[in-house]
């Protein structure tokens, strides 16, 4: 993305979250602010009539990963975690919906995308919550630890990190620098999503990858990092994480009692939770 403009993929994800609120599966992930924050780009139920199968699958994946992240966050809060860091927040509205009193929220994103989001909040007539701190960071150029510390994040205490829709767009060096930082504090936990490479997929999975990769590349935000589950798990353990839960698309569909294709399927997309317990 350009330094002077917001992420177009962030807007696309925001539109999927908003569209989901009109869908028959809306109960999977409720977000009363998803459409309001889009401003003039707000959607209506008629948009569902134009949704194709690729769009439906991606919408359900986006809704499911958000639901998983927030369910896992709730469990972490019950264990005593009081800091949430949302990496690559885009137009995520959790800070507006935060049901956890005492949970400090740090939203980290590219400066251009973050400025755009804050304008959207103001234009929607919404107030920025008092317990959210906006931290502008370019992951490829700035050190996350330094920027969070300057914003008041307490590195000595455990934090929960939500990192969705970001990892595929970053270099491996940037990804593992961030994961190493998270693993440096006992009790900290991260939820991220990633994609398997083409050679790990069947024909349907390769076709899906080609379709989505071409779309993001066409707007100048290509996927550049892919992982195999075993390889990634090994790397996470080496960093110090000792609890890892990795769900592929079939696992996710089964967890929420649905199947996108009438049977178990793995499209190559994963949602992963990793925690360093001690």
Protein backbone atom coordinates (compact mmCIF):
# COMPACT_ATOMS: atom_id res chain seq x y z
CA UNK A 1 0.00 0.00 0.00
CA UNK A 2 1.03 3.61 -0.49
CA UNK A 3 2.10 5.62 2.55
CA UNK A 4 -0.49 8.30 1.76
CA UNK A 5 -3.54 6.06 1.31
CA UNK A 6 -5.39 3.50 3.44
CA UNK A 7 -5.24 -0.21 2.80
CA UNK A 8 -7.75 -1.31 0.17
CA UNK A 9 -7.79 -4.82 1.58
CA UNK A 10 -8.76 -3.35 4.97
CA UNK A 11 -11.78 -1.75 3.31
CA UNK A 12 -12.65 -5.01 1.57
CA UNK A 13 -12.58 -6.90 4.88
CA UNK A 14 -14.71 -4.19 6.51
CA UNK A 15 -17.28 -4.57 3.74
CA UNK A 16 -17.40 -8.34 4.27
CA UNK A 17 -17.97 -7.86 8.00
CA UNK A 18 -20.76 -5.38 7.27
CA UNK A 19 -22.37 -7.61 4.65
CA UNK A 20 -22.30 -10.52 7.08
CA UNK A 21 -24.69 -8.65 9.37
CA UNK A 22 -27.44 -9.02 6.74
CA UNK A 23 -26.76 -12.71 6.05
CA UNK A 24 -28.57 -15.81 7.33
CA UNK A 25 -25.37 -16.62 9.24
CA UNK A 26 -25.24 -13.25 11.04
CA UNK A 27 -25.44 -14.97 14.44
CA UNK A 28 -21.92 -16.28 13.90
CA UNK A 29 -20.48 -12.81 14.42
CA UNK A 30 -22.54 -9.80 15.49
CA UNK A 31 -21.08 -6.35 14.88
CA UNK A 32 -23.55 -3.45 15.19
CA UNK A 33 -20.91 -0.92 14.09
CA UNK A 34 -19.62 -2.78 11.02
CA UNK A 35 -21.85 -0.96 8.56
CA UNK A 36 -21.95 2.43 10.28
CA UNK A 37 -18.19 2.81 10.14
CA UNK A 38 -18.26 2.46 6.35
CA UNK A 39 -19.96 5.85 6.05
CA UNK A 40 -21.03 6.59 2.48
CA UNK A 41 -19.86 3.12 1.48
CA UNK A 42 -22.40 1.45 3.82
CA UNK A 43 -24.11 -1.65 2.41
CA UNK A 44 -27.67 -2.96 2.38
CA UNK A 45 -29.19 -6.44 2.31
CA UNK A 46 -29.47 -6.37 -1.48
CA UNK A 47 -25.69 -6.75 -1.71
CA UNK A 48 -26.15 -10.40 -0.70
CA UNK A 49 -27.96 -11.05 -3.98
CA UNK A 50 -24.73 -10.26 -5.83
CA UNK A 51 -22.55 -12.46 -3.64
CA UNK A 52 -20.87 -15.32 -5.51
CA UNK A 53 -19.45 -18.50 -3.99
CA UNK A 54 -15.94 -17.04 -3.65
CA UNK A 55 -17.39 -14.04 -1.83
CA UNK A 56 -19.53 -16.18 0.47
CA UNK A 57 -16.59 -18.36 1.48
CA UNK A 58 -14.39 -15.38 2.21
CA UNK A 59 -17.15 -13.63 4.16
CA UNK A 60 -17.68 -16.69 6.34
CA UNK A 61 -13.93 -17.04 6.91
CA UNK A 62 -13.62 -13.37 7.92
CA UNK A 63 -16.57 -13.65 10.31
CA UNK A 64 -15.34 -16.95 11.76
CA UNK A 65 -11.80 -15.77 12.43
CA UNK A 66 -13.14 -12.67 14.23
CA UNK A 67 -15.47 -14.82 16.34
CA UNK A 68 -12.67 -17.21 17.24
CA UNK A 69 -10.32 -14.38 18.18
CA UNK A 70 -12.87 -12.72 20.43
CA UNK A 71 -13.88 -16.02 22.07
CA UNK A 72 -10.22 -16.77 22.83
CA UNK A 73 -9.76 -13.21 24.09
CA UNK A 74 -12.66 -13.66 26.52
CA UNK A 75 -10.95 -16.76 27.93
CA UNK A 76 -7.68 -14.83 28.32
CA UNK A 77 -9.46 -12.01 30.17
CA UNK A 78 -10.88 -14.60 32.55
CA UNK A 79 -7.30 -15.70 33.24
CA UNK A 80 -6.41 -12.12 34.15
CA UNK A 81 -5.04 -10.63 30.92
CA UNK A 82 -5.76 -6.89 30.88
CA UNK A 83 -4.08 -5.72 27.66
CA UNK A 84 -5.25 -6.31 24.10
CA UNK A 85 -3.12 -5.37 21.10
CA UNK A 86 -4.89 -5.40 17.72
CA UNK A 87 -2.23 -5.58 15.02
CA UNK A 88 -3.33 -4.31 11.60
CA UNK A 89 -6.69 -3.25 13.00
CA UNK A 90 -8.12 -1.80 9.77
CA UNK A 91 -11.77 -0.91 10.42
CA UNK A 92 -12.13 -3.48 13.21
CA UNK A 93 -14.73 -2.28 15.73
CA UNK A 94 -13.84 -4.32 18.81
CA UNK A 95 -12.79 -1.22 20.73
CA UNK A 96 -16.30 0.18 20.19
CA UNK A 97 -17.90 -3.08 21.35
CA UNK A 98 -15.46 -4.03 24.13
CA UNK A 99 -17.45 -5.97 26.77
CA UNK A 100 -14.49 -6.33 29.16
CA UNK A 101 -14.19 -3.56 31.79
CA UNK A 102 -10.58 -2.78 32.59
CA UNK A 103 -9.22 -4.15 29.31
CA UNK A 104 -6.80 -1.66 27.76
CA UNK A 105 -6.88 -1.78 23.94
CA UNK A 106 -3.94 -0.79 21.75
CA UNK A 107 -4.75 -0.57 18.05
CA UNK A 108 -1.69 -0.84 15.81
CA UNK A 109 -1.81 -0.12 12.09
CA UNK A 110 -0.10 1.61 9.21
CA UNK A 111 -0.30 5.39 9.81
CA UNK A 112 -2.39 6.06 6.68
CA UNK A 113 -4.91 3.32 7.45
CA UNK A 114 -5.17 4.40 11.07
CA UNK A 115 -5.79 8.06 10.21
CA UNK A 116 -8.46 6.93 7.76
CA UNK A 117 -10.15 4.80 10.43
CA UNK A 118 -10.22 7.61 12.96
CA UNK A 119 -11.87 9.86 10.37
CA UNK A 120 -14.45 7.15 9.75
CA UNK A 121 -15.23 6.91 13.47
CA UNK A 122 -15.71 10.67 13.73
CA UNK A 123 -17.81 10.86 10.56
CA UNK A 124 -20.07 8.10 11.90
CA UNK A 125 -20.76 10.25 14.96
CA UNK A 126 -19.03 7.75 17.24
CA UNK A 127 -16.67 8.58 20.09
CA UNK A 128 -13.25 6.99 20.39
CA UNK A 129 -13.40 4.85 23.56
CA UNK A 130 -11.38 6.17 26.48
CA UNK A 131 -9.56 2.86 26.95
CA UNK A 132 -8.20 2.60 23.38
CA UNK A 133 -4.81 3.91 22.31
CA UNK A 134 -3.98 4.26 18.62
CA UNK A 135 -0.40 3.28 17.75
CA UNK A 136 0.69 4.06 14.16
CA UNK A 137 3.33 1.55 13.02
CA UNK A 138 4.76 0.48 9.67
CA UNK A 139 5.73 -3.14 10.41
CA UNK A 140 8.49 -3.16 7.81
CA UNK A 141 10.16 0.04 9.06
CA UNK A 142 9.44 0.49 12.77
CA UNK A 143 9.96 -1.65 15.86
CA UNK A 144 6.67 -2.75 17.40
CA UNK A 145 8.14 -3.00 20.91
CA UNK A 146 9.37 0.58 20.89
CA UNK A 147 6.15 2.05 19.51
CA UNK A 148 3.96 0.13 21.97
CA UNK A 149 6.14 1.13 24.92
CA UNK A 150 5.90 4.78 23.89
CA UNK A 151 2.12 4.42 23.79
CA UNK A 152 1.95 3.12 27.36
CA UNK A 153 1.80 -0.62 26.79
CA UNK A 154 3.25 -2.54 29.74
CA UNK A 155 5.58 -5.14 28.27
CA UNK A 156 6.16 -6.78 31.65
CA UNK A 157 2.52 -7.90 31.82
CA UNK A 158 0.79 -10.47 29.58
CA UNK A 159 -1.11 -9.29 26.53
CA UNK A 160 -3.48 -10.81 24.02
CA UNK A 161 -2.64 -10.03 20.39
CA UNK A 162 -5.17 -10.20 17.56
CA UNK A 163 -3.34 -10.28 14.22
CA UNK A 164 -5.85 -11.05 11.49
CA UNK A 165 -5.58 -10.41 7.76
CA UNK A 166 -1.97 -9.22 8.01
CA UNK A 167 0.57 -12.06 8.06
CA UNK A 168 0.31 -13.02 4.36
CA UNK A 169 1.25 -9.46 3.34
CA UNK A 170 4.45 -9.28 5.42
CA UNK A 171 7.96 -10.63 4.95
CA UNK A 172 9.02 -13.54 7.10
CA UNK A 173 11.55 -11.35 8.89
CA UNK A 174 8.79 -8.93 9.93
CA UNK A 175 6.46 -11.76 10.92
CA UNK A 176 8.95 -13.55 13.14
CA UNK A 177 10.25 -10.34 14.69
CA UNK A 178 6.72 -9.65 15.89
CA UNK A 179 6.13 -13.22 17.06
CA UNK A 180 9.44 -13.19 18.94
CA UNK A 181 8.37 -10.01 20.73
CA UNK A 182 5.02 -11.55 21.72
CA UNK A 183 6.67 -14.76 22.94
CA UNK A 184 9.00 -12.72 25.14
CA UNK A 185 6.35 -12.23 27.83
CA UNK A 186 4.96 -15.22 29.79
CA UNK A 187 1.19 -15.41 29.59
CA UNK A 188 0.96 -13.58 26.29
CA UNK A 189 -1.05 -15.03 23.43
CA UNK A 190 -1.59 -14.33 19.74
CA UNK A 191 -4.30 -15.22 17.24
CA UNK A 192 -3.33 -14.96 13.58
CA UNK A 193 -4.41 -16.30 10.24
CA UNK A 194 -2.19 -17.64 7.49
CA UNK A 195 -2.37 -19.44 4.17
CA UNK A 196 -0.76 -22.64 2.97
CA UNK A 197 1.29 -22.57 -0.25
CA UNK A 198 -0.12 -23.85 -3.53
CA UNK A 199 1.87 -27.10 -3.44
CA UNK A 200 0.10 -28.10 -0.22
CA UNK A 201 -3.36 -27.81 -1.76
CA UNK A 202 -5.59 -29.94 -3.94
CA UNK A 203 -6.86 -28.64 -7.25
CA UNK A 204 -9.78 -26.77 -5.67
CA UNK A 205 -7.49 -25.21 -3.08
CA UNK A 206 -5.00 -24.15 -5.75
CA UNK A 207 -7.79 -22.54 -7.75
CA UNK A 208 -9.02 -20.64 -4.68
CA UNK A 209 -5.50 -19.43 -3.91
CA UNK A 210 -5.00 -18.25 -7.49
CA UNK A 211 -8.31 -16.37 -7.40
CA UNK A 212 -7.74 -14.52 -4.11
CA UNK A 213 -4.03 -13.91 -4.65
CA UNK A 214 -4.74 -12.34 -8.02
CA UNK A 215 -7.33 -10.00 -6.47
CA UNK A 216 -5.04 -8.62 -3.78
CA UNK A 217 -2.07 -8.41 -6.14
CA UNK A 218 -4.19 -6.40 -8.58
CA UNK A 219 -4.66 -3.66 -5.99
CA UNK A 220 -0.98 -3.58 -5.08
CA UNK A 221 -1.15 -5.56 -1.82
CA UNK A 222 0.11 -9.05 -2.76
CA UNK A 223 0.40 -12.08 -0.49
CA UNK A 224 4.09 -12.82 -0.05
CA UNK A 225 4.33 -15.25 2.90
CA UNK A 226 2.88 -18.75 3.11
CA UNK A 227 3.39 -21.48 5.71
CA UNK A 228 2.86 -25.19 6.17
CA UNK A 229 1.26 -26.08 9.53
CA UNK A 230 4.11 -28.29 10.73
CA UNK A 231 6.78 -25.77 9.76
CA UNK A 232 5.00 -22.91 11.49
CA UNK A 233 4.30 -24.91 14.65
CA UNK A 234 7.98 -25.85 14.91
CA UNK A 235 9.03 -22.22 14.56
CA UNK A 236 6.53 -21.11 17.20
CA UNK A 237 7.78 -23.70 19.68
CA UNK A 238 11.36 -22.58 19.07
CA UNK A 239 10.28 -19.01 19.91
CA UNK A 240 8.89 -20.15 23.26
CA UNK A 241 5.19 -20.72 22.64
CA UNK A 242 4.03 -23.90 24.38
CA UNK A 243 0.32 -23.96 23.54
CA UNK A 244 -0.65 -24.00 19.87
CA UNK A 245 -4.11 -24.53 18.36
CA UNK A 246 -4.23 -24.49 14.56
CA UNK A 247 -7.59 -24.71 12.80
CA UNK A 248 -7.94 -25.15 9.05
CA UNK A 249 -11.08 -24.09 7.21
CA UNK A 250 -12.69 -27.50 7.65
CA UNK A 251 -12.06 -27.40 11.41
CA UNK A 252 -13.55 -23.92 11.60
CA UNK A 253 -16.65 -24.90 9.62
CA UNK A 254 -17.15 -27.91 11.87
CA UNK A 255 -16.75 -25.84 15.03
CA UNK A 256 -19.56 -23.52 14.01
CA UNK A 257 -21.81 -26.24 12.66
CA UNK A 258 -21.58 -25.39 8.99
CA UNK A 259 -19.83 -26.62 5.88
CA UNK A 260 -19.24 -24.41 2.86
CA UNK A 261 -19.37 -27.24 0.37
CA UNK A 262 -21.57 -29.95 1.86
CA UNK A 263 -18.61 -31.84 3.28
CA UNK A 264 -15.36 -31.30 5.12
CA UNK A 265 -13.02 -29.01 3.19
CA UNK A 266 -9.70 -27.27 3.72
CA UNK A 267 -9.23 -24.28 1.44
CA UNK A 268 -5.70 -23.62 2.71
CA UNK A 269 -6.65 -20.86 5.12
CA UNK A 270 -5.88 -21.29 8.83
CA UNK A 271 -6.58 -19.51 12.11
CA UNK A 272 -3.96 -20.19 14.75
CA UNK A 273 -3.75 -19.47 18.49
CA UNK A 274 -0.35 -19.57 20.20
CA UNK A 275 0.32 -18.90 23.88
CA UNK A 276 3.40 -18.82 26.04
CA UNK A 277 2.09 -20.03 29.38
CA UNK A 278 5.30 -19.66 31.40
